[in-house]
């Protein structure tokens, strides 16, 4: 759960800058929002920053995001992913 907790903490720190309410893994709606966010981050355009990232960074980012998706799916099997 470390990867997922770090992902949520990172999203919350960015959200704090923009005045968003913090995401909570104990809330069903927030878990769905986190799943959508992971899906968005796994899209090819976002994953490779429109081709600007080197392959090694893309692979590391992909590994981290799929780890987060697997941990979230284990926590809540009802969440849906399309890119994972």
N, C-alpha and C. Protein backbone atom coordinates (compact mmCIF):
# COMPACT_ATOMS: atom_id res chain seq x y z
N UNK A 1 0.81 -1.21 0.00
CA UNK A 1 0.00 0.00 0.00
C UNK A 1 0.85 1.26 0.00
N UNK A 2 2.15 1.10 0.10
CA UNK A 2 3.03 2.26 0.16
C UNK A 2 2.96 3.09 -1.11
N UNK A 3 2.97 2.44 -2.25
CA UNK A 3 2.92 3.17 -3.52
C UNK A 3 1.61 3.95 -3.64
N UNK A 4 0.51 3.32 -3.27
CA UNK A 4 -0.80 3.97 -3.35
C UNK A 4 -0.88 5.13 -2.36
N UNK A 5 -0.41 4.93 -1.15
CA UNK A 5 -0.43 6.02 -0.16
C UNK A 5 0.43 7.20 -0.62
N UNK A 6 1.57 6.92 -1.22
CA UNK A 6 2.42 7.99 -1.75
C UNK A 6 1.74 8.72 -2.90
N UNK A 7 1.06 7.97 -3.76
CA UNK A 7 0.33 8.57 -4.88
C UNK A 7 -0.76 9.52 -4.37
N UNK A 8 -1.53 9.05 -3.39
CA UNK A 8 -2.61 9.87 -2.84
C UNK A 8 -2.03 11.10 -2.14
N UNK A 9 -0.94 10.93 -1.42
CA UNK A 9 -0.30 12.08 -0.74
C UNK A 9 0.17 13.11 -1.76
N UNK A 10 0.72 12.64 -2.88
CA UNK A 10 1.17 13.55 -3.93
C UNK A 10 -0.02 14.29 -4.54
N UNK A 11 -1.11 13.58 -4.82
CA UNK A 11 -2.31 14.21 -5.37
C UNK A 11 -2.88 15.22 -4.38
N UNK A 12 -2.87 14.88 -3.10
CA UNK A 12 -3.38 15.81 -2.08
C UNK A 12 -2.52 17.05 -1.96
N UNK A 13 -1.20 16.89 -2.10
CA UNK A 13 -0.34 18.07 -1.99
C UNK A 13 -0.57 19.01 -3.18
N UNK A 14 -0.78 18.46 -4.37
CA UNK A 14 -1.12 19.31 -5.51
C UNK A 14 -2.52 19.90 -5.34
N UNK A 15 -3.44 19.10 -4.85
CA UNK A 15 -4.80 19.59 -4.64
C UNK A 15 -4.87 20.72 -3.63
N UNK A 16 -4.01 20.66 -2.63
CA UNK A 16 -3.96 21.72 -1.61
C UNK A 16 -3.60 23.07 -2.24
N UNK A 17 -2.70 23.03 -3.21
CA UNK A 17 -2.30 24.26 -3.90
C UNK A 17 -3.49 24.89 -4.61
N UNK A 18 -4.34 24.03 -5.20
CA UNK A 18 -5.47 24.52 -5.99
C UNK A 18 -6.78 24.56 -5.21
N UNK A 19 -6.72 24.28 -3.90
CA UNK A 19 -7.91 24.39 -3.06
C UNK A 19 -8.87 23.23 -3.15
N UNK A 20 -8.43 22.07 -3.62
CA UNK A 20 -9.29 20.88 -3.69
C UNK A 20 -9.36 20.21 -2.33
N UNK A 21 -10.46 19.49 -2.11
CA UNK A 21 -10.56 18.76 -0.86
C UNK A 21 -9.65 17.53 -0.94
N UNK A 22 -9.06 17.13 0.16
CA UNK A 22 -8.14 15.99 0.15
C UNK A 22 -8.85 14.68 -0.17
N UNK A 23 -8.16 13.82 -0.88
CA UNK A 23 -8.68 12.49 -1.20
C UNK A 23 -8.42 11.57 -0.02
N UNK A 24 -9.36 10.66 0.22
CA UNK A 24 -9.26 9.73 1.35
C UNK A 24 -9.55 8.32 0.85
N UNK A 25 -8.63 7.40 1.11
CA UNK A 25 -8.81 6.02 0.66
C UNK A 25 -9.96 5.31 1.36
N UNK A 26 -10.47 5.86 2.45
CA UNK A 26 -11.59 5.25 3.17
C UNK A 26 -12.94 5.65 2.59
N UNK A 27 -12.94 6.56 1.63
CA UNK A 27 -14.18 7.07 1.03
C UNK A 27 -14.36 6.45 -0.36
N UNK A 28 -15.52 5.85 -0.63
CA UNK A 28 -15.79 5.19 -1.90
C UNK A 28 -15.65 6.14 -3.08
N UNK A 29 -16.23 7.33 -2.97
CA UNK A 29 -16.16 8.29 -4.07
C UNK A 29 -14.72 8.72 -4.34
N UNK A 30 -13.95 8.89 -3.29
CA UNK A 30 -12.55 9.26 -3.45
C UNK A 30 -11.75 8.13 -4.10
N UNK A 31 -12.06 6.89 -3.74
CA UNK A 31 -11.37 5.75 -4.37
C UNK A 31 -11.66 5.72 -5.87
N UNK A 32 -12.89 6.03 -6.24
CA UNK A 32 -13.24 6.09 -7.67
C UNK A 32 -12.49 7.23 -8.36
N UNK A 33 -12.38 8.37 -7.68
CA UNK A 33 -11.64 9.51 -8.23
C UNK A 33 -10.16 9.18 -8.38
N UNK A 34 -9.61 8.45 -7.42
CA UNK A 34 -8.20 8.05 -7.48
C UNK A 34 -8.00 7.10 -8.65
N UNK A 35 -8.93 6.16 -8.85
CA UNK A 35 -8.84 5.23 -9.98
C UNK A 35 -8.89 5.99 -11.30
N UNK A 36 -9.75 6.99 -11.41
CA UNK A 36 -9.82 7.80 -12.62
C UNK A 36 -8.53 8.58 -12.85
N UNK A 37 -7.96 9.05 -11.77
CA UNK A 37 -6.71 9.79 -11.86
C UNK A 37 -5.56 8.88 -12.32
N UNK A 38 -5.51 7.67 -11.77
CA UNK A 38 -4.49 6.72 -12.21
C UNK A 38 -4.69 6.38 -13.68
N UNK A 39 -5.95 6.17 -14.08
CA UNK A 39 -6.25 5.92 -15.49
C UNK A 39 -5.75 7.05 -16.38
N UNK A 40 -6.02 8.27 -15.96
CA UNK A 40 -5.58 9.43 -16.74
C UNK A 40 -4.06 9.49 -16.83
N UNK A 41 -3.40 9.19 -15.72
CA UNK A 41 -1.94 9.22 -15.71
C UNK A 41 -1.34 8.10 -16.56
N UNK A 42 -2.09 7.01 -16.75
CA UNK A 42 -1.61 5.89 -17.56
C UNK A 42 -1.89 6.06 -19.05
N UNK A 43 -2.61 7.12 -19.42
CA UNK A 43 -2.85 7.33 -20.85
C UNK A 43 -1.51 7.60 -21.54
N UNK A 44 -1.36 7.17 -22.77
CA UNK A 44 -0.07 7.31 -23.45
C UNK A 44 0.49 8.74 -23.46
N UNK A 45 -0.37 9.71 -23.65
CA UNK A 45 0.08 11.11 -23.70
C UNK A 45 0.66 11.55 -22.36
N UNK A 46 -0.03 11.20 -21.28
CA UNK A 46 0.43 11.59 -19.95
C UNK A 46 1.60 10.74 -19.47
N UNK A 47 1.58 9.48 -19.84
CA UNK A 47 2.62 8.56 -19.38
C UNK A 47 4.00 8.98 -19.90
N UNK A 48 4.06 9.36 -21.15
CA UNK A 48 5.36 9.70 -21.73
C UNK A 48 5.54 11.20 -21.92
N UNK A 49 4.61 12.00 -21.35
CA UNK A 49 4.69 13.47 -21.49
C UNK A 49 4.85 13.88 -22.95
N UNK A 50 3.97 13.33 -23.79
CA UNK A 50 3.96 13.60 -25.23
C UNK A 50 5.30 13.29 -25.89
N UNK A 51 5.94 12.22 -25.43
CA UNK A 51 7.19 11.78 -26.04
C UNK A 51 8.43 12.47 -25.53
N UNK A 52 8.29 13.28 -24.49
CA UNK A 52 9.43 14.04 -23.98
C UNK A 52 10.29 13.27 -22.98
N UNK A 53 9.72 12.25 -22.35
CA UNK A 53 10.47 11.49 -21.34
C UNK A 53 11.29 10.38 -21.98
N UNK A 54 12.46 10.09 -21.44
CA UNK A 54 13.22 8.94 -21.91
C UNK A 54 12.51 7.64 -21.51
N UNK A 55 12.80 6.59 -22.25
CA UNK A 55 12.14 5.31 -22.04
C UNK A 55 12.27 4.81 -20.60
N UNK A 56 13.42 5.00 -19.99
CA UNK A 56 13.62 4.51 -18.63
C UNK A 56 12.67 5.20 -17.65
N UNK A 57 12.42 6.49 -17.82
CA UNK A 57 11.51 7.21 -16.95
C UNK A 57 10.06 6.79 -17.20
N UNK A 58 9.73 6.53 -18.46
CA UNK A 58 8.38 6.08 -18.80
C UNK A 58 8.13 4.72 -18.16
N UNK A 59 9.11 3.83 -18.24
CA UNK A 59 8.96 2.50 -17.65
C UNK A 59 8.81 2.58 -16.13
N UNK A 60 9.59 3.43 -15.49
CA UNK A 60 9.50 3.60 -14.03
C UNK A 60 8.14 4.18 -13.65
N UNK A 61 7.68 5.14 -14.39
CA UNK A 61 6.38 5.76 -14.13
C UNK A 61 5.26 4.74 -14.32
N UNK A 62 5.35 3.95 -15.39
CA UNK A 62 4.36 2.92 -15.65
C UNK A 62 4.32 1.89 -14.53
N UNK A 63 5.49 1.47 -14.08
CA UNK A 63 5.57 0.47 -13.00
C UNK A 63 4.93 1.01 -11.73
N UNK A 64 5.24 2.27 -11.39
CA UNK A 64 4.68 2.88 -10.17
C UNK A 64 3.16 3.00 -10.27
N UNK A 65 2.66 3.44 -11.42
CA UNK A 65 1.22 3.62 -11.59
C UNK A 65 0.46 2.30 -11.60
N UNK A 66 1.02 1.27 -12.24
CA UNK A 66 0.35 -0.03 -12.24
C UNK A 66 0.38 -0.66 -10.85
N UNK A 67 1.43 -0.38 -10.10
CA UNK A 67 1.50 -0.82 -8.70
C UNK A 67 0.39 -0.16 -7.89
N UNK A 68 0.20 1.13 -8.10
CA UNK A 68 -0.86 1.86 -7.40
C UNK A 68 -2.23 1.30 -7.79
N UNK A 69 -2.42 1.03 -9.07
CA UNK A 69 -3.70 0.48 -9.55
C UNK A 69 -3.96 -0.88 -8.92
N UNK A 70 -2.95 -1.73 -8.86
CA UNK A 70 -3.12 -3.07 -8.27
C UNK A 70 -3.45 -2.96 -6.79
N UNK A 71 -2.80 -2.05 -6.09
CA UNK A 71 -3.07 -1.88 -4.66
C UNK A 71 -4.47 -1.34 -4.42
N UNK A 72 -4.91 -0.41 -5.28
CA UNK A 72 -6.26 0.13 -5.13
C UNK A 72 -7.30 -0.94 -5.46
N UNK A 73 -7.04 -1.74 -6.48
CA UNK A 73 -7.95 -2.82 -6.86
C UNK A 73 -8.05 -3.85 -5.73
N UNK A 74 -6.94 -4.11 -5.07
CA UNK A 74 -6.94 -5.05 -3.94
C UNK A 74 -7.74 -4.47 -2.77
N UNK A 75 -7.62 -3.17 -2.55
CA UNK A 75 -8.34 -2.50 -1.47
C UNK A 75 -9.84 -2.45 -1.77
N UNK A 76 -10.19 -2.17 -3.04
CA UNK A 76 -11.59 -2.04 -3.44
C UNK A 76 -11.77 -2.67 -4.82
N UNK A 77 -12.22 -3.92 -4.88
CA UNK A 77 -12.39 -4.60 -6.17
C UNK A 77 -13.45 -3.99 -7.09
N UNK A 78 -14.26 -3.06 -6.56
CA UNK A 78 -15.32 -2.47 -7.39
C UNK A 78 -14.83 -1.33 -8.27
N UNK A 79 -13.64 -0.79 -7.99
CA UNK A 79 -13.14 0.31 -8.83
C UNK A 79 -12.78 -0.22 -10.21
N UNK A 80 -12.97 0.62 -11.22
CA UNK A 80 -12.71 0.21 -12.60
C UNK A 80 -11.56 1.00 -13.19
N UNK A 81 -10.77 0.30 -13.97
CA UNK A 81 -9.66 0.90 -14.70
C UNK A 81 -9.83 0.57 -16.17
N UNK A 82 -9.41 1.46 -17.04
CA UNK A 82 -9.50 1.21 -18.47
C UNK A 82 -8.11 1.09 -19.10
N UNK A 83 -7.15 1.81 -18.56
CA UNK A 83 -5.79 1.78 -19.09
C UNK A 83 -4.96 0.69 -18.42
N UNK A 84 -5.38 0.22 -17.25
CA UNK A 84 -4.60 -0.77 -16.48
C UNK A 84 -4.97 -2.17 -16.94
